[in-house]
N, C-alpha and C. Protein backbone atom coordinates (compact mmCIF):
# COMPACT_ATOMS: atom_id res chain seq x y z
N UNK A 1 1.86 -12.26 1.23
CA UNK A 1 2.43 -12.44 3.02
C UNK A 1 2.63 -11.07 3.61
N UNK A 2 1.98 -11.24 4.43
CA UNK A 2 1.76 -9.99 5.63
C UNK A 2 2.98 -9.85 6.54
N UNK A 3 3.70 -9.39 6.83
CA UNK A 3 4.67 -9.24 7.96
C UNK A 3 4.70 -8.05 8.51
N UNK A 4 5.95 -7.80 9.22
CA UNK A 4 6.65 -7.19 10.08
C UNK A 4 6.40 -5.60 9.34
N UNK A 5 7.17 -5.92 8.27
CA UNK A 5 7.57 -4.43 7.24
C UNK A 5 6.02 -3.60 6.59
N UNK A 6 4.90 -4.27 6.33
CA UNK A 6 3.80 -4.37 6.14
C UNK A 6 3.42 -3.15 7.21
N UNK A 7 3.10 -3.91 8.37
CA UNK A 7 2.42 -3.18 9.80
C UNK A 7 3.14 -2.44 9.72
N UNK A 8 4.69 -2.07 9.43
CA UNK A 8 5.67 -0.79 9.63
C UNK A 8 4.76 0.47 8.75
N UNK A 9 4.95 -0.23 7.77
CA UNK A 9 4.39 0.85 6.30
C UNK A 9 2.54 1.08 6.49
N UNK A 10 2.23 0.11 7.04
CA UNK A 10 0.51 0.73 7.24
C UNK A 10 0.67 1.94 8.69
N UNK A 11 1.76 1.98 9.82
CA UNK A 11 1.59 2.73 10.57
C UNK A 11 2.30 4.13 9.88
N UNK A 12 2.98 4.10 9.14
CA UNK A 12 3.31 5.23 8.52
C UNK A 12 2.38 5.76 7.48
N UNK A 13 1.19 4.82 7.08
CA UNK A 13 0.65 5.97 6.13
C UNK A 13 -1.02 6.34 6.85
N UNK A 14 -0.65 5.81 8.18
CA UNK A 14 -2.45 6.41 8.94
C UNK A 14 -1.93 7.60 8.80
N UNK A 15 -0.60 8.78 9.46
CA UNK A 15 -1.22 9.89 9.76
C UNK A 15 -1.78 10.78 8.45
N UNK A 16 -1.23 10.25 6.91
CA UNK A 16 -1.49 10.85 5.41
C UNK A 16 -3.12 11.09 5.65
N UNK A 17 -4.29 10.32 6.24
CA UNK A 17 -5.87 10.39 6.24
C UNK A 17 -6.40 9.92 4.81
N UNK A 18 -5.25 9.75 4.27
CA UNK A 18 -6.60 9.37 2.96
C UNK A 18 -6.31 7.78 2.97
N UNK A 19 -6.57 7.04 3.91
CA UNK A 19 -6.55 5.95 3.64
C UNK A 19 -7.22 4.87 4.69
N UNK A 20 -7.83 4.43 4.65
CA UNK A 20 -8.47 3.30 5.44
C UNK A 20 -7.70 1.84 5.93
N UNK A 21 -7.52 1.88 6.97
CA UNK A 21 -6.13 0.65 7.12
C UNK A 21 -6.89 -0.40 7.75
N UNK A 22 -6.38 -1.58 7.18
CA UNK A 22 -7.48 -2.64 7.23
C UNK A 22 -7.43 -3.11 8.99
N UNK A 23 -8.48 -3.80 9.36
CA UNK A 23 -8.78 -4.10 10.94
C UNK A 23 -7.86 -5.30 10.95
N UNK A 24 -7.70 -6.09 10.26
CA UNK A 24 -6.78 -7.39 10.09
C UNK A 24 -5.61 -7.55 9.38
N UNK A 25 -4.60 -7.92 10.13
CA UNK A 25 -3.35 -8.39 9.30
C UNK A 25 -3.73 -8.92 7.92
N UNK A 26 -3.33 -8.71 6.64
CA UNK A 26 -4.04 -9.61 5.71
C UNK A 26 -4.44 -8.77 4.62
N UNK A 27 -5.43 -8.09 4.93
CA UNK A 27 -6.44 -7.21 4.52
C UNK A 27 -6.31 -6.20 3.86
N UNK A 28 -7.25 -5.61 2.64
CA UNK A 28 -6.80 -4.69 1.61
C UNK A 28 -6.59 -2.99 2.36
N UNK A 29 -5.89 -2.26 1.99
CA UNK A 29 -6.00 -0.77 2.56
C UNK A 29 -7.07 -0.29 1.61
N UNK A 30 -8.03 0.89 2.07
CA UNK A 30 -8.82 1.46 1.24
C UNK A 30 -8.46 2.99 1.01
N UNK A 31 -8.78 3.38 -0.46
CA UNK A 31 -8.10 4.75 0.03
C UNK A 31 -9.99 5.33 -0.27
N UNK A 32 -9.53 6.91 0.23
CA UNK A 32 -10.77 7.54 0.58
C UNK A 32 -11.59 7.72 -1.05
N UNK A 33 -10.79 7.52 -2.17
CA UNK A 33 -11.40 7.77 -3.64
C UNK A 33 -11.63 6.33 -3.98
N UNK A 34 -11.75 5.25 -3.19
CA UNK A 34 -12.45 4.04 -3.36
C UNK A 34 -11.79 3.01 -4.24
N UNK A 35 -10.81 3.01 -4.41
CA UNK A 35 -9.63 2.29 -4.42
C UNK A 35 -8.95 1.49 -3.48
N UNK A 36 -8.25 -0.35 -4.54
CA UNK A 36 -7.60 -0.28 -3.15
C UNK A 36 -6.17 -1.20 -2.73
N UNK A 37 -5.31 -1.09 -2.02
CA UNK A 37 -4.44 -1.52 -2.17
C UNK A 37 -4.00 -2.85 -1.40
N UNK A 38 -3.17 -3.55 -1.90
CA UNK A 38 -2.59 -4.59 -1.59
C UNK A 38 -1.19 -4.76 -1.22
N UNK A 39 -0.47 -5.02 -0.10
CA UNK A 39 0.84 -5.08 0.23
C UNK A 39 1.26 -6.47 -0.04
N UNK A 40 2.48 -6.94 -0.17
CA UNK A 40 2.68 -8.02 -0.36
C UNK A 40 4.29 -8.30 -0.03
N UNK A 41 4.69 -9.11 1.04
CA UNK A 41 6.36 -8.72 0.91
C UNK A 41 6.97 -10.35 0.94
N UNK A 42 8.58 -10.08 0.36
CA UNK A 42 8.85 -11.64 0.68
C UNK A 42 10.48 -10.80 1.27
N UNK A 43 11.04 -11.81 1.23
CA UNK A 43 12.61 -11.50 1.79
C UNK A 43 13.24 -10.85 1.02
N UNK A 44 12.96 -10.48 -0.42
CA UNK A 44 13.70 -8.93 -1.04
C UNK A 44 13.26 -8.12 -1.59
N UNK A 45 11.48 -8.55 -1.70
CA UNK A 45 10.60 -7.33 -2.48
C UNK A 45 9.49 -7.08 -2.00
N UNK A 46 8.82 -6.07 -2.28
CA UNK A 46 8.08 -5.66 -1.47
C UNK A 46 6.90 -4.89 -2.99
N UNK A 47 5.95 -6.14 -2.88
CA UNK A 47 5.07 -5.36 -4.35
C UNK A 47 3.78 -4.93 -3.43
N UNK A 48 3.80 -3.42 -4.32
CA UNK A 48 2.30 -2.76 -3.69
C UNK A 48 1.48 -2.94 -5.28
N UNK A 49 0.20 -3.45 -5.26
CA UNK A 49 -0.60 -3.59 -5.95
C UNK A 49 -2.15 -2.45 -5.99
N UNK A 50 -2.51 -1.83 -6.50
CA UNK A 50 -3.37 -0.77 -6.48
C UNK A 50 -4.33 -1.43 -7.68
N UNK A 51 -5.57 -1.56 -7.23
CA UNK A 51 -6.81 -1.52 -7.86
C UNK A 51 -7.91 -0.27 -7.81
N UNK A 52 -7.97 0.36 -9.17
CA UNK A 52 -8.85 1.59 -9.33
C UNK A 52 -10.45 0.74 -9.07
N UNK A 53 -11.32 1.84 -8.75
CA UNK A 53 -12.46 1.34 -8.88
C UNK A 53 -13.02 0.62 -9.90
N UNK A 54 -12.60 1.27 -11.31
CA UNK A 54 -12.79 0.71 -12.42
C UNK A 54 -12.63 -0.80 -13.00
N UNK A 55 -11.61 -1.18 -11.78
CA UNK A 55 -10.98 -2.77 -11.85
C UNK A 55 -9.84 -2.50 -12.79
N UNK A 56 -9.41 -1.32 -12.83
CA UNK A 56 -7.79 -1.73 -13.27
C UNK A 56 -7.05 -1.79 -12.58
N UNK A 57 -6.22 -2.23 -12.71
CA UNK A 57 -4.59 -2.61 -11.72
C UNK A 57 -3.39 -1.60 -12.17
N UNK A 58 -2.70 -1.13 -10.62
CA UNK A 58 -1.41 -0.70 -11.31
C UNK A 58 -0.61 -1.58 -10.32
N UNK A 59 0.41 -2.22 -10.77
CA UNK A 59 1.84 -2.79 -9.68
C UNK A 59 2.89 -2.30 -9.45
N UNK A 60 3.65 -2.18 -9.03
CA UNK A 60 5.14 -1.59 -8.94
C UNK A 60 5.72 -2.73 -7.51
N UNK A 61 6.76 -3.39 -7.87
CA UNK A 61 7.69 -4.32 -7.00
C UNK A 61 9.07 -3.43 -6.88
N UNK A 62 9.25 -3.14 -5.74
CA UNK A 62 10.33 -2.56 -4.86
C UNK A 62 11.17 -3.34 -3.79
N UNK A 63 12.57 -2.84 -4.26
CA UNK A 63 12.87 -3.78 -3.35
C UNK A 63 13.11 -3.35 -1.80
N UNK A 64 13.08 -4.22 -0.98
CA UNK A 64 12.95 -3.97 0.44
C UNK A 64 13.33 -2.63 0.96
N UNK A 65 12.66 -1.91 1.48
CA UNK A 65 13.40 -0.30 2.40
C UNK A 65 13.09 0.05 3.53
N UNK A 66 13.27 1.33 3.47
CA UNK A 66 12.88 1.52 4.89
C UNK A 66 11.17 1.95 4.83
N UNK A 67 10.64 1.47 6.07
CA UNK A 67 8.88 1.64 5.87
C UNK A 67 8.47 2.98 5.95
N UNK A 68 8.81 3.90 5.84
CA UNK A 68 8.58 5.63 5.56
C UNK A 68 8.76 5.69 4.41
N UNK A 69 10.16 5.12 3.57
CA UNK A 69 10.23 5.28 2.26
C UNK A 69 9.30 4.64 1.50
N UNK A 70 8.75 3.51 1.80
CA UNK A 70 7.91 3.06 0.89
C UNK A 70 6.58 3.19 1.60
N UNK A 71 6.20 4.14 2.36
CA UNK A 71 4.55 4.60 2.37
C UNK A 71 4.74 5.94 1.61
N UNK A 72 5.78 6.28 1.31
CA UNK A 72 6.05 7.66 0.81
C UNK A 72 5.59 7.24 -0.73
N UNK A 73 6.44 6.38 -1.14
CA UNK A 73 6.05 5.83 -2.50
C UNK A 73 4.40 5.28 -2.71
N UNK A 74 4.03 4.50 -1.82
CA UNK A 74 2.88 4.31 -2.16
C UNK A 74 1.70 5.21 -2.48
N UNK A 75 1.71 6.02 -1.23
CA UNK A 75 1.43 7.74 -1.38
C UNK A 75 1.38 8.27 -2.68
N UNK A 76 2.61 8.43 -3.33
CA UNK A 76 2.65 8.79 -4.60
C UNK A 76 1.90 7.96 -5.72
N UNK A 77 1.72 6.62 -5.59
CA UNK A 77 1.80 5.47 -6.48
C UNK A 77 0.29 5.90 -6.74
N UNK A 78 -0.35 6.05 -4.98
CA UNK A 78 -1.99 6.52 -5.36
C UNK A 78 -2.36 7.89 -6.05
N UNK A 79 -1.88 8.74 -6.13
CA UNK A 79 -1.80 10.18 -6.76
C UNK A 79 -1.84 9.83 -8.02
N UNK A 80 -0.74 9.57 -8.93
CA UNK A 80 -0.35 8.87 -9.85
C UNK A 80 -1.65 8.00 -10.64
N UNK A 81 -2.27 7.23 -9.87
CA UNK A 81 -3.40 6.23 -10.43
C UNK A 81 -4.19 6.74 -9.98
N UNK A 82 -4.32 7.72 -9.94
CA UNK A 82 -6.05 8.30 -9.41
C UNK A 82 -6.97 7.52 -8.58
N UNK A 83 -6.33 6.67 -7.98
CA UNK A 83 -7.19 5.36 -7.11
C UNK A 83 -7.66 6.09 -5.54
């Protein structure tokens, strides 16, 4: 589900320059290395799923938090996943 928090997180990711943000809500974020990031939010959880170029995935479910904190966590996940 794409909501307000997802939009806010995407705006926090914009200055990092390592992501190509979607043009329409609900679309995936693309990394410069060719990985894809899917964000999903519910009332209590924020799920980040990274699909690497080779098709393998890394997924992390976090409690709802500040958009800036979530953006930093996503950036860290991308580096660890080498996506």
